[in-house]
Amino acid sequence: MLDIIKSRRSIRKFTQQTVTDEIIREVIEMGVWAPSGLNNQPWKFVVVRDAQIKEELSGQTRYSHIVKGAPVCIAVFLDRSQSYDYVKDVQAVGACIQNMLLTIHHLGLGAVWLGEILKNKEAVAALLGVPGDMELMAVVALGHPSEARKAGTRKPVDESIIAWK
């Protein structure tokens, strides 16, 4: 697991090879195993494969080429009707997305977490026809990678630790 965490990278270019429904279900299932306050599981998903919908979705982000080029996009929403603490619930959805990204990498696929699209979250929600209590948190574009994973770097851990007390 530690190698999976350290070797995962954002992948922005994909082949057109199909991603099966079984894989998508497994990715979402691993996402929903993320922790959430009071186990409220405040996430909902819209799986987008349709080329026309992806075309329209791509118009909501400056990263349109990624959305159009991905065989699958998963829009991840916070279900505010299940919310009890907004900050905790947003954190839970973030943990859900991280579980999904790690699962995708473990399965040999690639993905990228698109957050810039949030500037148009109302338009995305309308396009995808979700109820009004759903708030877009991200779009995960995924597929079989057509680019090599580059080596990642991080600051030394000691630069992130403020103090030991």
N, C-alpha and C. Protein backbone atom coordinates (compact mmCIF):
# COMPACT_ATOMS: atom_id res chain seq x y z
N MET A 1 0.82 -1.19 0.00
CA MET A 1 0.00 0.00 0.00
C MET A 1 0.87 1.25 0.00
N LEU A 2 1.97 1.23 0.74
CA LEU A 2 2.82 2.42 0.80
C LEU A 2 3.40 2.75 -0.57
N ASP A 3 3.76 1.72 -1.33
CA ASP A 3 4.26 1.96 -2.69
C ASP A 3 3.17 2.55 -3.59
N ILE A 4 1.94 2.09 -3.42
CA ILE A 4 0.82 2.63 -4.21
C ILE A 4 0.64 4.12 -3.90
N ILE A 5 0.69 4.46 -2.62
CA ILE A 5 0.54 5.87 -2.24
C ILE A 5 1.65 6.72 -2.85
N LYS A 6 2.87 6.24 -2.76
CA LYS A 6 4.01 7.03 -3.23
C LYS A 6 4.16 7.06 -4.75
N SER A 7 3.62 6.06 -5.45
CA SER A 7 3.80 6.02 -6.90
C SER A 7 2.61 6.56 -7.69
N ARG A 8 1.50 6.87 -7.03
CA ARG A 8 0.34 7.42 -7.74
C ARG A 8 0.67 8.81 -8.26
N ARG A 9 0.29 9.06 -9.48
CA ARG A 9 0.47 10.38 -10.11
C ARG A 9 -0.79 10.74 -10.86
N SER A 10 -0.98 12.03 -11.07
CA SER A 10 -2.09 12.48 -11.91
C SER A 10 -1.78 12.15 -13.36
N ILE A 11 -2.73 11.48 -14.00
CA ILE A 11 -2.62 11.11 -15.41
C ILE A 11 -3.67 11.91 -16.17
N ARG A 12 -3.22 12.60 -17.22
CA ARG A 12 -4.11 13.50 -17.95
C ARG A 12 -4.36 13.08 -19.40
N LYS A 13 -3.69 12.01 -19.84
CA LYS A 13 -3.86 11.52 -21.21
C LYS A 13 -4.17 10.04 -21.15
N PHE A 14 -5.18 9.65 -21.93
CA PHE A 14 -5.70 8.29 -21.87
C PHE A 14 -5.83 7.69 -23.26
N THR A 15 -5.76 6.36 -23.31
CA THR A 15 -6.13 5.65 -24.54
C THR A 15 -7.66 5.63 -24.60
N GLN A 16 -8.19 5.17 -25.69
CA GLN A 16 -9.64 5.05 -25.79
C GLN A 16 -10.14 3.66 -25.40
N GLN A 17 -9.26 2.85 -24.82
CA GLN A 17 -9.65 1.53 -24.34
C GLN A 17 -10.76 1.67 -23.30
N THR A 18 -11.74 0.80 -23.39
CA THR A 18 -12.89 0.85 -22.51
C THR A 18 -12.51 0.54 -21.06
N VAL A 19 -13.15 1.23 -20.16
CA VAL A 19 -13.08 0.92 -18.73
C VAL A 19 -14.41 0.25 -18.40
N THR A 20 -14.36 -0.96 -17.91
CA THR A 20 -15.59 -1.73 -17.69
C THR A 20 -16.42 -1.17 -16.54
N ASP A 21 -17.71 -1.48 -16.58
CA ASP A 21 -18.60 -1.10 -15.49
C ASP A 21 -18.13 -1.71 -14.17
N GLU A 22 -17.59 -2.92 -14.24
CA GLU A 22 -17.13 -3.59 -13.02
C GLU A 22 -15.99 -2.80 -12.38
N ILE A 23 -15.08 -2.30 -13.19
CA ILE A 23 -13.97 -1.49 -12.65
C ILE A 23 -14.51 -0.20 -12.05
N ILE A 24 -15.43 0.45 -12.74
CA ILE A 24 -15.98 1.70 -12.23
C ILE A 24 -16.69 1.46 -10.90
N ARG A 25 -17.45 0.39 -10.82
CA ARG A 25 -18.13 0.04 -9.55
C ARG A 25 -17.12 -0.22 -8.44
N GLU A 26 -16.03 -0.91 -8.77
CA GLU A 26 -15.01 -1.18 -7.75
C GLU A 26 -14.35 0.12 -7.27
N VAL A 27 -14.07 1.02 -8.19
CA VAL A 27 -13.48 2.32 -7.83
C VAL A 27 -14.41 3.07 -6.89
N ILE A 28 -15.69 3.13 -7.23
CA ILE A 28 -16.65 3.84 -6.39
C ILE A 28 -16.83 3.11 -5.05
N GLU A 29 -16.88 1.79 -5.09
CA GLU A 29 -17.01 1.04 -3.84
C GLU A 29 -15.86 1.34 -2.88
N MET A 30 -14.64 1.38 -3.39
CA MET A 30 -13.50 1.69 -2.52
C MET A 30 -13.58 3.14 -2.03
N GLY A 31 -14.13 4.01 -2.87
CA GLY A 31 -14.33 5.40 -2.43
C GLY A 31 -15.26 5.48 -1.24
N VAL A 32 -16.35 4.73 -1.27
CA VAL A 32 -17.35 4.85 -0.21
C VAL A 32 -16.91 4.19 1.10
N TRP A 33 -15.78 3.50 1.07
CA TRP A 33 -15.22 2.97 2.31
C TRP A 33 -14.38 4.01 3.05
N ALA A 34 -14.32 5.23 2.54
CA ALA A 34 -13.62 6.30 3.25
C ALA A 34 -14.35 6.62 4.55
N PRO A 35 -13.63 7.14 5.53
CA PRO A 35 -14.28 7.53 6.78
C PRO A 35 -15.16 8.77 6.58
N SER A 36 -16.23 8.83 7.34
CA SER A 36 -17.08 10.03 7.35
C SER A 36 -17.64 10.20 8.75
N GLY A 37 -17.83 11.43 9.16
CA GLY A 37 -18.35 11.71 10.49
C GLY A 37 -19.72 11.08 10.68
N LEU A 38 -19.91 10.41 11.80
CA LEU A 38 -21.15 9.71 12.12
C LEU A 38 -21.50 8.65 11.06
N ASN A 39 -20.52 8.29 10.25
CA ASN A 39 -20.72 7.35 9.15
C ASN A 39 -21.88 7.79 8.24
N ASN A 40 -21.98 9.11 8.02
CA ASN A 40 -23.08 9.63 7.21
C ASN A 40 -22.90 9.42 5.71
N GLN A 41 -21.68 9.09 5.28
CA GLN A 41 -21.42 8.77 3.87
C GLN A 41 -22.07 9.79 2.93
N PRO A 42 -21.59 11.05 2.97
CA PRO A 42 -22.28 12.15 2.30
C PRO A 42 -21.98 12.31 0.81
N TRP A 43 -21.55 11.27 0.14
CA TRP A 43 -21.14 11.37 -1.25
C TRP A 43 -22.15 10.75 -2.20
N LYS A 44 -22.19 11.31 -3.38
CA LYS A 44 -22.97 10.76 -4.49
C LYS A 44 -22.14 10.94 -5.76
N PHE A 45 -22.43 10.13 -6.78
CA PHE A 45 -21.60 10.09 -7.98
C PHE A 45 -22.47 10.09 -9.24
N VAL A 46 -21.95 10.71 -10.27
CA VAL A 46 -22.53 10.59 -11.61
C VAL A 46 -21.41 10.10 -12.51
N VAL A 47 -21.63 8.94 -13.14
CA VAL A 47 -20.65 8.36 -14.05
C VAL A 47 -20.99 8.85 -15.46
N VAL A 48 -20.01 9.45 -16.11
CA VAL A 48 -20.23 10.03 -17.44
C VAL A 48 -19.34 9.32 -18.45
N ARG A 49 -20.00 8.65 -19.39
CA ARG A 49 -19.31 8.00 -20.51
C ARG A 49 -19.71 8.64 -21.85
N ASP A 50 -20.93 9.13 -21.91
CA ASP A 50 -21.51 9.64 -23.15
C ASP A 50 -20.67 10.79 -23.72
N ALA A 51 -20.27 10.65 -24.99
CA ALA A 51 -19.39 11.64 -25.63
C ALA A 51 -20.02 13.02 -25.66
N GLN A 52 -21.32 13.11 -25.93
CA GLN A 52 -21.97 14.42 -26.00
C GLN A 52 -22.00 15.09 -24.63
N ILE A 53 -22.29 14.33 -23.59
CA ILE A 53 -22.31 14.91 -22.25
C ILE A 53 -20.89 15.32 -21.84
N LYS A 54 -19.89 14.49 -22.18
CA LYS A 54 -18.51 14.88 -21.87
C LYS A 54 -18.13 16.16 -22.62
N GLU A 55 -18.59 16.28 -23.85
CA GLU A 55 -18.33 17.50 -24.62
C GLU A 55 -18.91 18.72 -23.90
N GLU A 56 -20.15 18.61 -23.44
CA GLU A 56 -20.78 19.72 -22.72
C GLU A 56 -20.08 19.96 -21.38
N LEU A 57 -19.73 18.89 -20.69
CA LEU A 57 -19.03 19.01 -19.42
C LEU A 57 -17.67 19.68 -19.61
N SER A 58 -17.01 19.37 -20.70
CA SER A 58 -15.68 19.94 -20.97
C SER A 58 -15.72 21.46 -21.12
N GLY A 59 -16.88 21.98 -21.51
CA GLY A 59 -17.03 23.43 -21.63
C GLY A 59 -17.06 24.15 -20.30
N GLN A 60 -17.08 23.41 -19.21
CA GLN A 60 -17.15 24.02 -17.88
C GLN A 60 -15.77 24.13 -17.21
N THR A 61 -14.72 23.73 -17.93
CA THR A 61 -13.38 23.77 -17.37
C THR A 61 -12.35 24.15 -18.42
N ARG A 62 -11.29 24.78 -17.99
CA ARG A 62 -10.21 25.08 -18.93
C ARG A 62 -9.42 23.82 -19.29
N TYR A 63 -9.67 22.73 -18.59
CA TYR A 63 -9.04 21.44 -18.87
C TYR A 63 -9.95 20.57 -19.72
N SER A 64 -10.60 21.19 -20.69
CA SER A 64 -11.58 20.49 -21.52
C SER A 64 -10.97 19.29 -22.23
N HIS A 65 -9.71 19.39 -22.63
CA HIS A 65 -9.07 18.29 -23.36
C HIS A 65 -8.98 17.04 -22.49
N ILE A 66 -8.85 17.20 -21.20
CA ILE A 66 -8.79 16.04 -20.30
C ILE A 66 -10.15 15.37 -20.23
N VAL A 67 -11.19 16.15 -20.04
CA VAL A 67 -12.55 15.61 -19.95
C VAL A 67 -12.93 14.90 -21.25
N LYS A 68 -12.65 15.54 -22.37
CA LYS A 68 -13.00 14.94 -23.66
C LYS A 68 -12.16 13.69 -23.95
N GLY A 69 -10.93 13.67 -23.48
CA GLY A 69 -10.04 12.57 -23.77
C GLY A 69 -10.18 11.36 -22.86
N ALA A 70 -10.86 11.53 -21.74
CA ALA A 70 -11.02 10.43 -20.79
C ALA A 70 -12.20 9.55 -21.18
N PRO A 71 -12.02 8.24 -21.18
CA PRO A 71 -13.16 7.36 -21.47
C PRO A 71 -14.28 7.49 -20.45
N VAL A 72 -13.92 7.84 -19.20
CA VAL A 72 -14.91 7.95 -18.13
C VAL A 72 -14.57 9.16 -17.27
N CYS A 73 -15.61 9.87 -16.88
CA CYS A 73 -15.48 10.90 -15.86
C CYS A 73 -16.48 10.59 -14.75
N ILE A 74 -16.04 10.73 -13.53
CA ILE A 74 -16.93 10.53 -12.39
C ILE A 74 -17.05 11.87 -11.67
N ALA A 75 -18.25 12.44 -11.69
CA ALA A 75 -18.51 13.66 -10.94
C ALA A 75 -18.85 13.25 -9.51
N VAL A 76 -18.16 13.86 -8.56
CA VAL A 76 -18.32 13.52 -7.15
C VAL A 76 -19.02 14.69 -6.46
N PHE A 77 -20.12 14.37 -5.80
CA PHE A 77 -20.94 15.38 -5.15
C PHE A 77 -21.01 15.16 -3.65
N LEU A 78 -21.14 16.25 -2.92
CA LEU A 78 -21.50 16.22 -1.51
C LEU A 78 -23.02 16.30 -1.45
N ASP A 79 -23.63 15.31 -0.83
CA ASP A 79 -25.08 15.30 -0.64
C ASP A 79 -25.37 16.08 0.64
N ARG A 80 -25.71 17.36 0.47
CA ARG A 80 -25.93 18.21 1.65
C ARG A 80 -27.12 17.75 2.49
N SER A 81 -28.02 16.96 1.94
CA SER A 81 -29.14 16.44 2.73
C SER A 81 -28.65 15.41 3.75
N GLN A 82 -27.45 14.86 3.54
CA GLN A 82 -26.86 13.89 4.47
C GLN A 82 -25.81 14.54 5.38
N SER A 83 -25.65 15.85 5.25
CA SER A 83 -24.58 16.56 5.95
C SER A 83 -24.97 16.89 7.39
N TYR A 84 -23.99 16.78 8.28
CA TYR A 84 -24.21 17.26 9.64
C TYR A 84 -23.18 18.31 10.02
N ASP A 85 -22.03 18.33 9.37
CA ASP A 85 -21.00 19.34 9.58
C ASP A 85 -20.30 19.54 8.25
N TYR A 86 -20.46 20.71 7.68
CA TYR A 86 -19.99 20.95 6.31
C TYR A 86 -18.50 20.65 6.15
N VAL A 87 -17.67 21.17 7.03
CA VAL A 87 -16.23 20.98 6.88
C VAL A 87 -15.87 19.49 6.98
N LYS A 88 -16.41 18.80 7.98
CA LYS A 88 -16.13 17.37 8.11
C LYS A 88 -16.61 16.61 6.89
N ASP A 89 -17.75 16.99 6.35
CA ASP A 89 -18.29 16.29 5.19
C ASP A 89 -17.46 16.54 3.93
N VAL A 90 -16.97 17.76 3.76
CA VAL A 90 -16.07 18.04 2.64
C VAL A 90 -14.79 17.22 2.79
N GLN A 91 -14.27 17.13 4.01
CA GLN A 91 -13.08 16.32 4.25
C GLN A 91 -13.36 14.85 3.93
N ALA A 92 -14.52 14.36 4.30
CA ALA A 92 -14.89 12.97 4.01
C ALA A 92 -14.93 12.73 2.51
N VAL A 93 -15.49 13.66 1.75
CA VAL A 93 -15.54 13.50 0.30
C VAL A 93 -14.11 13.51 -0.26
N GLY A 94 -13.24 14.35 0.29
CA GLY A 94 -11.84 14.33 -0.13
C GLY A 94 -11.19 12.98 0.11
N ALA A 95 -11.47 12.38 1.28
CA ALA A 95 -10.94 11.05 1.57
C ALA A 95 -11.51 10.02 0.60
N CYS A 96 -12.76 10.16 0.25
CA CYS A 96 -13.41 9.27 -0.72
C CYS A 96 -12.70 9.38 -2.08
N ILE A 97 -12.44 10.59 -2.51
CA ILE A 97 -11.76 10.79 -3.79
C ILE A 97 -10.36 10.20 -3.75
N GLN A 98 -9.64 10.38 -2.65
CA GLN A 98 -8.30 9.80 -2.54
C GLN A 98 -8.36 8.28 -2.61
N ASN A 99 -9.33 7.66 -1.93
CA ASN A 99 -9.49 6.21 -2.03
C ASN A 99 -9.71 5.80 -3.49
N MET A 100 -10.53 6.56 -4.20
CA MET A 100 -10.80 6.26 -5.60
C MET A 100 -9.52 6.35 -6.43
N LEU A 101 -8.74 7.41 -6.24
CA LEU A 101 -7.51 7.60 -7.00
C LEU A 101 -6.51 6.47 -6.73
N LEU A 102 -6.40 6.08 -5.47
CA LEU A 102 -5.48 4.99 -5.13
C LEU A 102 -5.94 3.66 -5.72
N THR A 103 -7.24 3.44 -5.73
CA THR A 103 -7.79 2.22 -6.33
C THR A 103 -7.53 2.20 -7.83
N ILE A 104 -7.78 3.31 -8.48
CA ILE A 104 -7.53 3.42 -9.92
C ILE A 104 -6.08 3.09 -10.23
N HIS A 105 -5.16 3.65 -9.47
CA HIS A 105 -3.74 3.39 -9.68
C HIS A 105 -3.42 1.91 -9.42
N HIS A 106 -3.95 1.38 -8.35
CA HIS A 106 -3.73 -0.04 -8.01
C HIS A 106 -4.20 -0.96 -9.14
N LEU A 107 -5.27 -0.58 -9.82
CA LEU A 107 -5.83 -1.39 -10.91
C LEU A 107 -5.09 -1.20 -12.24
N GLY A 108 -4.06 -0.35 -12.23
CA GLY A 108 -3.27 -0.15 -13.44
C GLY A 108 -3.82 0.91 -14.38
N LEU A 109 -4.81 1.65 -13.92
CA LEU A 109 -5.36 2.74 -14.71
C LEU A 109 -4.77 4.06 -14.24
N GLY A 110 -5.19 5.13 -14.86
CA GLY A 110 -4.73 6.46 -14.47
C GLY A 110 -5.92 7.38 -14.27
N ALA A 111 -5.69 8.44 -13.50
CA ALA A 111 -6.77 9.39 -13.24
C ALA A 111 -6.19 10.73 -12.82
N VAL A 112 -7.04 11.73 -12.91
CA VAL A 112 -6.70 13.05 -12.39
C VAL A 112 -7.92 13.63 -11.70
N TRP A 113 -7.68 14.29 -10.59
CA TRP A 113 -8.70 14.96 -9.78
C TRP A 113 -8.81 16.38 -10.33
N LEU A 114 -9.94 16.71 -10.92
CA LEU A 114 -10.17 18.05 -11.48
C LEU A 114 -10.97 18.88 -10.50
N GLY A 115 -10.36 19.93 -10.01
CA GLY A 115 -11.03 20.82 -9.07
C GLY A 115 -11.37 22.17 -9.67
N GLU A 116 -10.65 22.58 -10.70
CA GLU A 116 -10.87 23.89 -11.31
C GLU A 116 -12.29 24.03 -11.84
N ILE A 117 -12.93 22.92 -12.17
CA ILE A 117 -14.30 22.90 -12.69
C ILE A 117 -15.30 23.42 -11.65
N LEU A 118 -14.88 23.47 -10.38
CA LEU A 118 -15.79 23.92 -9.32
C LEU A 118 -16.26 25.36 -9.53
N LYS A 119 -15.53 26.13 -10.29
CA LYS A 119 -15.96 27.51 -10.56
C LYS A 119 -17.31 27.52 -11.27
N ASN A 120 -17.67 26.38 -11.89
CA ASN A 120 -18.93 26.24 -12.61
C ASN A 120 -19.78 25.10 -12.03
N LYS A 121 -19.71 24.92 -10.72
CA LYS A 121 -20.37 23.75 -10.12
C LYS A 121 -21.88 23.76 -10.31
N GLU A 122 -22.51 24.92 -10.33
CA GLU A 122 -23.96 24.96 -10.53
C GLU A 122 -24.31 24.52 -11.95
N ALA A 123 -23.53 24.97 -12.93
CA ALA A 123 -23.78 24.59 -14.32
C ALA A 123 -23.55 23.08 -14.52
N VAL A 124 -22.53 22.54 -13.86
CA VAL A 124 -22.27 21.10 -13.96
C VAL A 124 -23.42 20.32 -13.35
N ALA A 125 -23.89 20.75 -12.19
CA ALA A 125 -25.01 20.06 -11.53
C ALA A 125 -26.25 20.08 -12.42
N ALA A 126 -26.51 21.23 -13.06
CA ALA A 126 -27.67 21.33 -13.95
C ALA A 126 -27.49 20.41 -15.17
N LEU A 127 -26.30 20.42 -15.76
CA LEU A 127 -26.01 19.59 -16.92
C LEU A 127 -26.22 18.11 -16.60
N LEU A 128 -25.79 17.70 -15.40
CA LEU A 128 -25.89 16.29 -15.03
C LEU A 128 -27.23 15.94 -14.40
N GLY A 129 -28.09 16.95 -14.19
CA GLY A 129 -29.44 16.71 -13.71
C GLY A 129 -29.52 16.19 -12.28
N VAL A 130 -28.63 16.66 -11.43
CA VAL A 130 -28.66 16.21 -10.04
C VAL A 130 -29.57 17.12 -9.21
N PRO A 131 -30.12 16.60 -8.12
CA PRO A 131 -30.99 17.42 -7.27
C PRO A 131 -30.24 18.61 -6.67
N GLY A 132 -30.97 19.60 -6.24
CA GLY A 132 -30.41 20.84 -5.75
C GLY A 132 -29.59 20.73 -4.48
N ASP A 133 -29.74 19.63 -3.73
CA ASP A 133 -28.95 19.50 -2.50
C ASP A 133 -27.61 18.82 -2.75
N MET A 134 -27.25 18.61 -4.02
CA MET A 134 -25.95 18.04 -4.38
C MET A 134 -25.00 19.18 -4.73
N GLU A 135 -23.81 19.16 -4.12
CA GLU A 135 -22.79 20.17 -4.41
C GLU A 135 -21.57 19.48 -5.01
N LEU A 136 -21.17 19.91 -6.21
CA LEU A 136 -20.02 19.32 -6.87
C LEU A 136 -18.76 19.55 -6.04
N MET A 137 -17.99 18.47 -5.85
CA MET A 137 -16.73 18.54 -5.12
C MET A 137 -15.53 18.34 -6.06
N ALA A 138 -15.71 17.58 -7.14
CA ALA A 138 -14.63 17.31 -8.09
C ALA A 138 -15.17 16.48 -9.24
N VAL A 139 -14.39 16.42 -10.29
CA VAL A 139 -14.60 15.46 -11.37
C VAL A 139 -13.32 14.65 -11.47
N VAL A 140 -13.45 13.33 -11.44
CA VAL A 140 -12.31 12.44 -11.61
C VAL A 140 -12.36 11.89 -13.03
N ALA A 141 -11.35 12.24 -13.83
CA ALA A 141 -11.24 11.72 -15.20
C ALA A 141 -10.33 10.50 -15.13
N LEU A 142 -10.77 9.39 -15.74
CA LEU A 142 -9.96 8.18 -15.64
C LEU A 142 -10.00 7.35 -16.91
N GLY A 143 -9.01 6.50 -17.02
CA GLY A 143 -8.90 5.59 -18.15
C GLY A 143 -7.57 4.88 -18.13
N HIS A 144 -7.28 4.21 -19.22
CA HIS A 144 -5.98 3.55 -19.37
C HIS A 144 -4.97 4.62 -19.78
N PRO A 145 -3.87 4.75 -19.05
CA PRO A 145 -2.93 5.84 -19.33
C PRO A 145 -2.26 5.70 -20.69
N SER A 146 -2.10 6.83 -21.36
CA SER A 146 -1.31 6.84 -22.60
C SER A 146 -0.05 7.67 -22.39
N GLU A 147 0.23 8.01 -21.15
CA GLU A 147 1.46 8.72 -20.83
C GLU A 147 2.14 8.00 -19.67
N ALA A 148 3.43 8.11 -19.63
CA ALA A 148 4.19 7.46 -18.57
C ALA A 148 4.03 8.23 -17.26
N ARG A 149 4.04 7.49 -16.17
CA ARG A 149 4.02 8.12 -14.86
C ARG A 149 5.40 8.70 -14.59
N LYS A 150 5.43 9.96 -14.22
CA LYS A 150 6.70 10.61 -13.92
C LYS A 150 7.00 10.43 -12.43
N ALA A 151 8.25 10.47 -12.11
CA ALA A 151 8.65 10.38 -10.70
C ALA A 151 8.15 11.62 -9.97
N GLY A 152 7.65 11.42 -8.78
CA GLY A 152 7.16 12.54 -7.99
C GLY A 152 8.19 12.97 -6.97
N THR A 153 8.00 14.15 -6.47
CA THR A 153 8.86 14.67 -5.40
C THR A 153 7.98 15.28 -4.33
N ARG A 154 8.47 15.28 -3.14
CA ARG A 154 7.80 15.94 -2.03
C ARG A 154 8.87 16.62 -1.18
N LYS A 155 8.45 17.63 -0.46
CA LYS A 155 9.35 18.27 0.49
C LYS A 155 9.71 17.25 1.57
N PRO A 156 10.86 17.42 2.19
CA PRO A 156 11.18 16.54 3.32
C PRO A 156 10.11 16.67 4.41
N VAL A 157 9.80 15.56 5.05
CA VAL A 157 8.76 15.54 6.08
C VAL A 157 9.02 16.59 7.16
N ASP A 158 10.27 16.78 7.53
CA ASP A 158 10.57 17.74 8.59
C ASP A 158 10.16 19.16 8.24
N GLU A 159 10.04 19.48 6.96
CA GLU A 159 9.57 20.81 6.57
C GLU A 159 8.07 20.99 6.79
N SER A 160 7.36 19.89 6.97
CA SER A 160 5.91 19.96 7.20
C SER A 160 5.53 19.87 8.66
N ILE A 161 6.45 19.43 9.50
CA ILE A 161 6.16 19.29 10.92
C ILE A 161 6.50 20.59 11.63
N ILE A 162 5.49 21.18 12.25
CA ILE A 162 5.73 22.43 12.98
C ILE A 162 6.48 22.16 14.28
N ALA A 163 6.05 21.15 15.00
CA ALA A 163 6.68 20.87 16.29
C ALA A 163 6.36 19.46 16.74
N TRP A 164 7.20 18.94 17.62
CA TRP A 164 6.95 17.71 18.36
C TRP A 164 6.75 18.15 19.80
N LYS A 165 5.65 17.84 20.41
CA LYS A 165 5.40 18.27 21.79
C LYS A 165 5.04 17.11 22.66
